[in-house]
Amino acid sequence: MKTIIQSLVISFVIHLIYIAGTLVVGYIKTRSYKPVIDNKWENIETLQNEVAFGAVGSPVYFLFTFIVVALICGLTIISYGKIVGLK
């Protein structure tokens, strides 16, 4: 039972780091964006009225990746325990 809880916690932390990293990269790209407007005033185009940030991911996809990463972490913990236990 301890291995299952450890693997779920590690999977949660990995997903949290991934999501936070994605947000930080998006924030940095947004803050450092400098539009290139040389000679753009000659080509007038209609601009969008709305802007959306982020991406929509399927909850089933995140559940699937959470379970797969937890299984990989669990197998790694079990393998590490058997290798260290043999020596």
Protein backbone atom coordinates (compact mmCIF):
# COMPACT_ATOMS: atom_id res chain seq x y z
CA MET A 1 0.00 0.00 0.00
CA LYS A 2 2.91 2.32 0.73
CA THR A 3 4.25 1.83 -2.81
CA ILE A 4 0.88 2.74 -4.34
CA ILE A 5 0.61 5.95 -2.33
CA GLN A 6 4.21 6.88 -3.13
CA SER A 7 3.69 6.30 -6.85
CA LEU A 8 0.47 8.36 -6.85
CA VAL A 9 2.19 11.23 -5.03
CA ILE A 10 5.16 11.16 -7.41
CA SER A 11 2.79 11.11 -10.41
CA PHE A 12 0.89 14.07 -8.97
CA VAL A 13 4.13 16.02 -8.43
CA ILE A 14 5.34 15.26 -11.97
CA HIS A 15 2.03 16.46 -13.45
CA LEU A 16 2.06 19.55 -11.23
CA ILE A 17 5.60 20.43 -12.36
CA TYR A 18 4.61 19.90 -16.01
CA ILE A 19 1.52 22.15 -15.75
CA ALA A 20 3.36 24.83 -13.77
CA GLY A 21 6.26 24.74 -16.24
CA THR A 22 3.87 25.17 -19.16
CA LEU A 23 2.27 28.17 -17.46
CA VAL A 24 5.64 29.75 -16.65
CA VAL A 25 6.92 29.32 -20.22
CA GLY A 26 3.70 30.85 -21.58
CA TYR A 27 3.96 33.76 -19.17
CA ILE A 28 7.59 34.42 -20.10
CA LYS A 29 6.81 34.26 -23.82
CA THR A 30 3.89 36.65 -23.35
CA ARG A 31 5.92 39.14 -21.30
CA SER A 32 8.89 39.14 -23.67
CA TYR A 33 6.89 39.35 -26.93
CA LYS A 34 7.87 42.30 -29.09
CA PRO A 35 5.82 42.64 -32.28
CA VAL A 36 7.59 43.43 -35.52
CA ILE A 37 5.75 46.36 -37.10
CA ASP A 38 8.20 47.61 -39.72
CA ASN A 39 6.20 48.54 -42.82
CA LYS A 40 3.15 46.69 -41.53
CA TRP A 41 1.00 49.81 -41.66
CA GLU A 42 0.83 49.45 -45.44
CA ASN A 43 -0.96 46.09 -45.23
CA ILE A 44 -4.07 46.69 -43.17
CA GLU A 45 -5.90 43.57 -41.97
CA THR A 46 -8.92 43.16 -39.74
CA LEU A 47 -7.94 42.17 -36.22
CA GLN A 48 -9.66 39.68 -33.97
CA ASN A 49 -11.92 41.02 -31.23
CA GLU A 50 -11.26 38.20 -28.78
CA VAL A 51 -8.15 36.57 -27.41
CA ALA A 52 -7.91 33.21 -25.66
CA PHE A 53 -4.98 31.97 -23.62
CA GLY A 54 -4.19 28.36 -22.88
CA ALA A 55 -5.19 25.05 -24.32
CA VAL A 56 -8.05 22.70 -23.68
CA GLY A 57 -7.03 19.20 -22.75
CA SER A 58 -9.27 16.23 -22.33
CA PRO A 59 -9.72 15.20 -18.68
CA VAL A 60 -9.58 11.57 -19.81
CA TYR A 61 -6.13 12.21 -21.31
CA PHE A 62 -4.84 13.66 -18.03
CA LEU A 63 -6.35 10.76 -16.08
CA PHE A 64 -4.71 8.28 -18.46
CA THR A 65 -1.29 9.94 -18.22
CA PHE A 66 -1.65 10.19 -14.42
CA ILE A 67 -2.33 6.45 -14.14
CA VAL A 68 0.46 5.50 -16.59
CA VAL A 69 3.03 7.67 -14.80
CA ALA A 70 1.88 6.23 -11.44
CA LEU A 71 2.33 2.69 -12.81
CA ILE A 72 5.81 3.51 -14.11
CA CYS A 73 6.75 5.08 -10.77
CA GLY A 74 5.35 2.06 -8.91
CA LEU A 75 7.32 -0.37 -11.04
CA THR A 76 10.44 1.75 -10.55
CA ILE A 77 9.98 1.79 -6.77
CA ILE A 78 9.41 -1.98 -6.66
CA SER A 79 12.41 -2.65 -8.92
CA TYR A 80 14.64 -0.38 -6.88
CA GLY A 81 13.51 -2.13 -3.67
CA LYS A 82 14.31 -5.57 -5.09
CA ILE A 83 17.71 -4.47 -6.42
CA VAL A 84 18.74 -2.82 -3.16
CA GLY A 85 17.27 -5.69 -1.12
CA LEU A 86 19.38 -8.28 -2.97
CA LYS A 87 22.71 -6.66 -2.13
